[in-house]
Amino acid sequence: MKYVIVGKNMEVTESLKDAVTQKLDKLDKFFSPDTEVHVTLQVNRDRHKIEVTIPVRDNIIRSEQVSNDMYVSIDLVEEVIERQLKKYKSKLIKRHQEAAAFKREYIERSYFDEEDIRIVRKKQFDLKPMYPEDACVQMELLGHNFYVFINAETEQIAVVYKRKGSTYGMIEPEG
């Protein structure tokens, strides 16, 4: 794998680079050698955050971990990504997607039964045009972590969601 490691509010030392590559090399068994891994290390006071993004075909494998020690964050992010990959693999096989970014051994090895991911409930509702701030209020009133709505400003379907630290995010289609 090819690593692109950058630091925000900090200098990325050789020992940190070594720790990141050594830990993430455990994921090497899943990916082809030309896979690019984007790593961002950031320190804000006592918060040591690592973000890892791995683009694969039409998807992105991503994890963000925060702790009071960068080396702990590095350990956590590797575990989360490995868990994601094992779940993603069963979807990959089930939908017969092209898996060129992955090693053959990863695709052929069984990690989970097909029963691990299943939809147990389906909801249908009317979408109403509203402003993103109003959608956040509606989400809070419902006690949900996300809310789907039609953005009154763009007239497109959008999603607002709760983020860590009592903030909100919004997802909209491009264009």
C-alpha atoms as a PDB file:
ATOM      1  CA  MET A   1       0.000   0.000   0.000  1.00  0.00           C
ATOM      2  CA  LYS A   2       1.075   3.555  -0.629  1.00  0.00           C
ATOM      3  CA  TYR A   3       0.751   5.994   2.257  1.00  0.00           C
ATOM      4  CA  VAL A   4       0.078   9.728   2.148  1.00  0.00           C
ATOM      5  CA  ILE A   5       0.584  10.935   5.739  1.00  0.00           C
ATOM      6  CA  VAL A   6      -0.010  14.566   6.714  1.00  0.00           C
ATOM      7  CA  GLY A   7      -0.203  16.412  10.015  1.00  0.00           C
ATOM      8  CA  LYS A   8      -2.467  19.248  11.145  1.00  0.00           C
ATOM      9  CA  ASN A   9      -1.305  21.386  14.071  1.00  0.00           C
ATOM     10  CA  MET A  10       1.642  19.043  14.480  1.00  0.00           C
ATOM     11  CA  GLU A  11       4.807  17.740  12.895  1.00  0.00           C
ATOM     12  CA  VAL A  12       4.664  14.137  11.712  1.00  0.00           C
ATOM     13  CA  THR A  13       7.818  12.546  13.083  1.00  0.00           C
ATOM     14  CA  GLU A  14       9.519   9.485  11.649  1.00  0.00           C
ATOM     15  CA  SER A  15       8.441   7.449  14.678  1.00  0.00           C
ATOM     16  CA  LEU A  16       4.794   8.401  14.068  1.00  0.00           C
ATOM     17  CA  LYS A  17       5.113   7.558  10.360  1.00  0.00           C
ATOM     18  CA  ASP A  18       6.646   4.213  11.305  1.00  0.00           C
ATOM     19  CA  ALA A  19       3.865   3.506  13.817  1.00  0.00           C
ATOM     20  CA  VAL A  20       1.166   4.328  11.252  1.00  0.00           C
ATOM     21  CA  THR A  21       2.685   2.255   8.447  1.00  0.00           C
ATOM     22  CA  GLN A  22       3.514  -0.649  10.748  1.00  0.00           C
ATOM     23  CA  LYS A  23      -0.030  -0.779  12.123  1.00  0.00           C
ATOM     24  CA  LEU A  24      -1.810  -0.229   8.803  1.00  0.00           C
ATOM     25  CA  ASP A  25       0.438  -2.747   7.046  1.00  0.00           C
ATOM     26  CA  LYS A  26      -1.715  -5.344   8.831  1.00  0.00           C
ATOM     27  CA  LEU A  27      -4.412  -4.331   6.331  1.00  0.00           C
ATOM     28  CA  ASP A  28      -2.057  -5.147   3.452  1.00  0.00           C
ATOM     29  CA  LYS A  29      -3.619  -8.619   3.193  1.00  0.00           C
ATOM     30  CA  PHE A  30      -6.843  -6.994   1.985  1.00  0.00           C
ATOM     31  CA  PHE A  31      -5.558  -4.596  -0.687  1.00  0.00           C
ATOM     32  CA  SER A  32      -3.563  -4.659  -3.887  1.00  0.00           C
ATOM     33  CA  PRO A  33      -0.073  -3.113  -3.636  1.00  0.00           C
ATOM     34  CA  ASP A  34      -1.003   0.076  -5.523  1.00  0.00           C
ATOM     35  CA  THR A  35      -3.819   1.024  -3.117  1.00  0.00           C
ATOM     36  CA  GLU A  36      -3.368   4.551  -1.750  1.00  0.00           C
ATOM     37  CA  VAL A  37      -4.043   5.214   1.937  1.00  0.00           C
ATOM     38  CA  HIS A  38      -4.607   8.808   3.089  1.00  0.00           C
ATOM     39  CA  VAL A  39      -3.749   9.439   6.742  1.00  0.00           C
ATOM     40  CA  THR A  40      -4.243  12.719   8.609  1.00  0.00           C
ATOM     41  CA  LEU A  41      -2.871  13.141  12.131  1.00  0.00           C
ATOM     42  CA  GLN A  42      -4.123  16.049  14.217  1.00  0.00           C
ATOM     43  CA  VAL A  43      -3.568  17.306  17.756  1.00  0.00           C
ATOM     44  CA  ASN A  44      -5.864  19.773  19.544  1.00  0.00           C
ATOM     45  CA  ARG A  45      -4.959  20.104  23.229  1.00  0.00           C
ATOM     46  CA  ASP A  46      -5.382  16.577  24.675  1.00  0.00           C
ATOM     47  CA  ARG A  47      -7.227  15.231  21.620  1.00  0.00           C
ATOM     48  CA  HIS A  48      -5.050  13.119  19.337  1.00  0.00           C
ATOM     49  CA  LYS A  49      -7.023  12.325  16.195  1.00  0.00           C
ATOM     50  CA  ILE A  50      -6.211  10.106  13.233  1.00  0.00           C
ATOM     51  CA  GLU A  51      -8.294   9.940  10.061  1.00  0.00           C
ATOM     52  CA  VAL A  52      -7.675   7.158   7.552  1.00  0.00           C
ATOM     53  CA  THR A  53      -9.326   7.163   4.121  1.00  0.00           C
ATOM     54  CA  ILE A  54      -8.890   4.384   1.575  1.00  0.00           C
ATOM     55  CA  PRO A  55     -10.621   4.952  -1.782  1.00  0.00           C
ATOM     56  CA  VAL A  56     -11.692   1.664  -3.417  1.00  0.00           C
ATOM     57  CA  ARG A  57     -13.631   1.683  -6.683  1.00  0.00           C
ATOM     58  CA  ASP A  58     -16.940   3.463  -6.044  1.00  0.00           C
ATOM     59  CA  ASN A  59     -16.612   3.361  -2.248  1.00  0.00           C
ATOM     60  CA  ILE A  60     -14.477   4.777   0.522  1.00  0.00           C
ATOM     61  CA  ILE A  61     -13.233   2.884   3.557  1.00  0.00           C
ATOM     62  CA  ARG A  62     -12.836   5.479   6.323  1.00  0.00           C
ATOM     63  CA  SER A  63     -12.280   5.673  10.041  1.00  0.00           C
ATOM     64  CA  GLU A  64     -11.610   8.494  12.466  1.00  0.00           C
ATOM     65  CA  GLN A  65     -10.440   7.813  16.006  1.00  0.00           C
ATOM     66  CA  VAL A  66      -9.680  10.191  18.888  1.00  0.00           C
ATOM     67  CA  SER A  67      -7.933   9.528  22.190  1.00  0.00           C
ATOM     68  CA  ASN A  68      -5.510  11.264  24.548  1.00  0.00           C
ATOM     69  CA  ASP A  69      -2.545   9.450  22.921  1.00  0.00           C
ATOM     70  CA  MET A  70      -1.769   9.293  19.196  1.00  0.00           C
ATOM     71  CA  TYR A  71      -0.431   5.733  19.383  1.00  0.00           C
ATOM     72  CA  VAL A  72      -3.681   4.557  21.001  1.00  0.00           C
ATOM     73  CA  SER A  73      -5.645   6.317  18.237  1.00  0.00           C
ATOM     74  CA  ILE A  74      -3.517   4.541  15.614  1.00  0.00           C
ATOM     75  CA  ASP A  75      -4.260   1.153  17.211  1.00  0.00           C
ATOM     76  CA  LEU A  76      -7.993   1.891  17.344  1.00  0.00           C
ATOM     77  CA  VAL A  77      -8.249   3.038  13.728  1.00  0.00           C
ATOM     78  CA  GLU A  78      -6.662  -0.161  12.400  1.00  0.00           C
ATOM     79  CA  GLU A  79      -9.112  -2.338  14.347  1.00  0.00           C
ATOM     80  CA  VAL A  80     -12.124  -0.381  13.096  1.00  0.00           C
ATOM     81  CA  ILE A  81     -11.018  -0.499   9.457  1.00  0.00           C
ATOM     82  CA  GLU A  82     -10.382  -4.237   9.613  1.00  0.00           C
ATOM     83  CA  ARG A  83     -13.885  -4.753  11.029  1.00  0.00           C
ATOM     84  CA  GLN A  84     -15.352  -2.571   8.251  1.00  0.00           C
ATOM     85  CA  LEU A  85     -13.496  -4.532   5.584  1.00  0.00           C
ATOM     86  CA  LYS A  86     -14.805  -7.837   6.846  1.00  0.00           C
ATOM     87  CA  LYS A  87     -18.375  -6.509   6.661  1.00  0.00           C
ATOM     88  CA  TYR A  88     -17.798  -4.859   3.286  1.00  0.00           C
ATOM     89  CA  LYS A  89     -16.459  -8.087   1.812  1.00  0.00           C
ATOM     90  CA  SER A  90     -19.753  -9.908   2.254  1.00  0.00           C
ATOM     91  CA  LYS A  91     -21.548  -7.054   0.452  1.00  0.00           C
ATOM     92  CA  LEU A  92     -18.945  -7.129  -2.294  1.00  0.00           C
ATOM     93  CA  ILE A  93     -19.484 -10.814  -2.967  1.00  0.00           C
ATOM     94  CA  LYS A  94     -23.248 -10.660  -2.603  1.00  0.00           C
ATOM     95  CA  ARG A  95     -23.643  -7.894  -5.175  1.00  0.00           C
ATOM     96  CA  HIS A  96     -20.965  -9.309  -7.499  1.00  0.00           C
ATOM     97  CA  GLN A  97     -19.177  -5.994  -7.669  1.00  0.00           C
ATOM     98  CA  GLU A  98     -15.800  -5.766  -9.346  1.00  0.00           C
ATOM     99  CA  ALA A  99     -13.150  -6.209  -6.696  1.00  0.00           C
ATOM    100  CA  ALA A 100      -9.955  -5.260  -8.545  1.00  0.00           C
ATOM    101  CA  ALA A 101      -8.630  -3.111  -5.675  1.00  0.00           C
ATOM    102  CA  PHE A 102      -8.593  -6.108  -3.347  1.00  0.00           C
ATOM    103  CA  LYS A 103      -6.367  -9.155  -3.141  1.00  0.00           C
ATOM    104  CA  ARG A 104      -7.850 -12.448  -4.281  1.00  0.00           C
ATOM    105  CA  GLU A 105      -7.238 -14.071  -0.857  1.00  0.00           C
ATOM    106  CA  TYR A 106      -9.390 -11.395   0.798  1.00  0.00           C
ATOM    107  CA  ILE A 107     -12.288 -11.983  -1.583  1.00  0.00           C
ATOM    108  CA  GLU A 108     -12.124 -15.773  -1.292  1.00  0.00           C
ATOM    109  CA  ARG A 109     -11.871 -15.960   2.499  1.00  0.00           C
ATOM    110  CA  SER A 110     -15.100 -16.132   4.480  1.00  0.00           C
ATOM    111  CA  TYR A 111     -15.487 -13.657   7.362  1.00  0.00           C
ATOM    112  CA  PHE A 112     -19.207 -13.399   8.015  1.00  0.00           C
ATOM    113  CA  ASP A 113     -22.361 -15.269   7.184  1.00  0.00           C
ATOM    114  CA  GLU A 114     -24.705 -13.561   4.768  1.00  0.00           C
ATOM    115  CA  GLU A 115     -27.099 -13.158   7.692  1.00  0.00           C
ATOM    116  CA  ASP A 116     -24.885 -10.579   9.464  1.00  0.00           C
ATOM    117  CA  ILE A 117     -26.233  -7.610   7.518  1.00  0.00           C
ATOM    118  CA  ARG A 118     -29.961  -7.496   7.108  1.00  0.00           C
ATOM    119  CA  ILE A 119     -32.644  -4.854   6.932  1.00  0.00           C
ATOM    120  CA  VAL A 120     -35.251  -5.484   9.620  1.00  0.00           C
ATOM    121  CA  ARG A 121     -37.486  -2.454   9.187  1.00  0.00           C
ATOM    122  CA  LYS A 122     -38.630  -0.271   6.325  1.00  0.00           C
ATOM    123  CA  LYS A 123     -40.267   3.141   6.629  1.00  0.00           C
ATOM    124  CA  GLN A 124     -41.985   5.342   4.106  1.00  0.00           C
ATOM    125  CA  PHE A 125     -42.888   8.970   4.674  1.00  0.00           C
ATOM    126  CA  ASP A 126     -43.640  12.191   2.836  1.00  0.00           C
ATOM    127  CA  LEU A 127     -40.681  14.475   2.234  1.00  0.00           C
ATOM    128  CA  LYS A 128     -41.403  18.120   2.939  1.00  0.00           C
ATOM    129  CA  PRO A 129     -39.327  21.088   1.810  1.00  0.00           C
ATOM    130  CA  MET A 130     -37.626  22.772   4.751  1.00  0.00           C
ATOM    131  CA  TYR A 131     -34.442  24.587   5.651  1.00  0.00           C
ATOM    132  CA  PRO A 132     -31.535  22.565   7.083  1.00  0.00           C
ATOM    133  CA  GLU A 133     -31.854  24.237  10.497  1.00  0.00           C
ATOM    134  CA  ASP A 134     -35.547  23.261  10.648  1.00  0.00           C
ATOM    135  CA  ALA A 135     -34.606  19.691   9.690  1.00  0.00           C
ATOM    136  CA  CYS A 136     -32.158  19.602  12.636  1.00  0.00           C
ATOM    137  CA  VAL A 137     -34.923  20.751  14.993  1.00  0.00           C
ATOM    138  CA  GLN A 138     -37.273  18.084  13.587  1.00  0.00           C
ATOM    139  CA  MET A 139     -34.566  15.429  14.020  1.00  0.00           C
ATOM    140  CA  GLU A 140     -34.094  16.432  17.666  1.00  0.00           C
ATOM    141  CA  LEU A 141     -37.851  16.363  18.277  1.00  0.00           C
ATOM    142  CA  LEU A 142     -38.029  12.828  16.867  1.00  0.00           C
ATOM    143  CA  GLY A 143     -34.990  11.699  18.868  1.00  0.00           C
ATOM    144  CA  HIS A 144     -33.199  10.418  15.751  1.00  0.00           C
ATOM    145  CA  ASN A 145     -29.529  10.628  14.737  1.00  0.00           C
ATOM    146  CA  PHE A 146     -30.373  11.701  11.170  1.00  0.00           C
ATOM    147  CA  TYR A 147     -33.239  13.198   9.204  1.00  0.00           C
ATOM    148  CA  VAL A 148     -34.040  13.024   5.470  1.00  0.00           C
ATOM    149  CA  PHE A 149     -35.748  16.055   3.914  1.00  0.00           C
ATOM    150  CA  ILE A 150     -36.027  18.191   0.779  1.00  0.00           C
ATOM    151  CA  ASN A 151     -33.775  21.224   1.124  1.00  0.00           C
ATOM    152  CA  ALA A 152     -35.952  24.305   0.513  1.00  0.00           C
ATOM    153  CA  GLU A 153     -32.900  26.206  -0.779  1.00  0.00           C
ATOM    154  CA  THR A 154     -31.756  23.649  -3.397  1.00  0.00           C
ATOM    155  CA  GLU A 155     -34.956  21.584  -3.866  1.00  0.00           C
ATOM    156  CA  GLN A 156     -32.837  18.413  -3.552  1.00  0.00           C
ATOM    157  CA  ILE A 157     -33.066  15.527  -1.112  1.00  0.00           C
ATOM    158  CA  ALA A 158     -30.641  16.021   1.786  1.00  0.00           C
ATOM    159  CA  VAL A 159     -29.782  14.414   5.117  1.00  0.00           C
ATOM    160  CA  VAL A 160     -28.826  16.133   8.357  1.00  0.00           C
ATOM    161  CA  TYR A 161     -27.128  14.091  11.053  1.00  0.00           C
ATOM    162  CA  LYS A 162     -25.672  14.382  14.547  1.00  0.00           C
ATOM    163  CA  ARG A 163     -21.896  14.527  14.849  1.00  0.00           C
ATOM    164  CA  LYS A 164     -19.625  14.059  17.817  1.00  0.00           C
ATOM    165  CA  GLY A 165     -19.395  17.144  20.009  1.00  0.00           C
ATOM    166  CA  SER A 166     -23.032  18.214  19.686  1.00  0.00           C
ATOM    167  CA  THR A 167     -22.661  19.484  16.131  1.00  0.00           C
ATOM    168  CA  TYR A 168     -24.561  18.662  12.963  1.00  0.00           C
ATOM    169  CA  GLY A 169     -23.600  17.600   9.454  1.00  0.00           C
ATOM    170  CA  MET A 170     -25.480  17.640   6.182  1.00  0.00           C
ATOM    171  CA  ILE A 171     -25.222  15.377   3.143  1.00  0.00           C
ATOM    172  CA  GLU A 172     -26.407  16.593  -0.254  1.00  0.00           C
ATOM    173  CA  PRO A 173     -25.929  15.321  -3.810  1.00  0.00           C
ATOM    174  CA  GLU A 174     -23.456  17.197  -5.993  1.00  0.00           C
ATOM    175  CA  GLY A 175     -24.682  19.389  -8.809  1.00  0.00           C
END
